[in-house]
Amino acid sequence: TITVRGLSEKLDINKSAVQKHLATLKAKDYIFRKGGTKGEWIVNIGNIDN
């Protein structure tokens, strides 16, 4: 698993930028949340264009 902090460090961007990108992916139904704060993000492969 990886956290927002971990993503920000790996991508060398700040946490708010990661959260903004996650919000965009969520709004486009590319990802969705399963479970609560200790849950996980699921990638919705059916919505990804080839």
Protein backbone atom coordinates (compact mmCIF):
# COMPACT_ATOMS: atom_id res chain seq x y z
CA THR A 1 0.00 0.00 0.00
CA ILE A 2 1.01 3.61 -0.41
CA THR A 3 -0.14 6.76 1.33
CA VAL A 4 -0.72 10.28 0.03
CA ARG A 5 2.52 11.21 1.74
CA GLY A 6 4.31 8.31 0.06
CA LEU A 7 2.95 9.31 -3.35
CA SER A 8 3.99 12.91 -2.81
CA GLU A 9 7.53 11.82 -1.96
CA LYS A 10 7.81 9.40 -4.90
CA LEU A 11 6.36 11.91 -7.38
CA ASP A 12 8.21 14.86 -5.83
CA ILE A 13 5.02 16.95 -5.52
CA ASN A 14 3.27 18.25 -2.43
CA LYS A 15 0.45 16.38 -0.68
CA SER A 16 -2.22 18.84 -1.79
CA ALA A 17 -1.28 18.19 -5.43
CA VAL A 18 -1.64 14.43 -4.86
CA GLN A 19 -5.04 15.01 -3.25
CA LYS A 20 -6.11 17.17 -6.21
CA HIS A 21 -5.10 14.46 -8.69
CA LEU A 22 -6.89 11.79 -6.65
CA ALA A 23 -10.03 13.97 -6.60
CA THR A 24 -9.87 14.28 -10.40
CA LEU A 25 -9.46 10.52 -10.83
CA LYS A 26 -12.37 9.95 -8.44
CA ALA A 27 -14.60 12.47 -10.26
CA LYS A 28 -13.93 10.66 -13.56
CA ASP A 29 -14.73 7.28 -11.92
CA TYR A 30 -11.22 5.97 -12.60
CA ILE A 31 -10.82 5.13 -8.91
CA PHE A 32 -13.20 4.59 -6.00
CA ARG A 33 -12.84 4.09 -2.28
CA LYS A 34 -13.55 0.71 -0.67
CA GLY A 35 -13.87 0.92 3.10
CA GLY A 36 -13.32 3.87 5.39
CA THR A 37 -10.15 5.75 6.24
CA LYS A 38 -8.33 2.44 6.66
CA GLY A 39 -9.78 1.17 3.37
CA GLU A 40 -8.23 1.21 -0.05
CA TRP A 41 -8.55 2.83 -3.47
CA ILE A 42 -9.72 0.55 -6.26
CA VAL A 43 -8.79 1.25 -9.90
CA ASN A 44 -11.87 0.99 -12.13
CA ILE A 45 -10.22 -0.64 -15.15
CA GLY A 46 -13.52 -0.69 -17.07
CA ASN A 47 -13.39 3.12 -17.33
CA ILE A 48 -9.87 3.38 -18.74
CA ASP A 49 -9.72 4.16 -22.46
CA ASN A 50 -7.42 2.02 -24.61
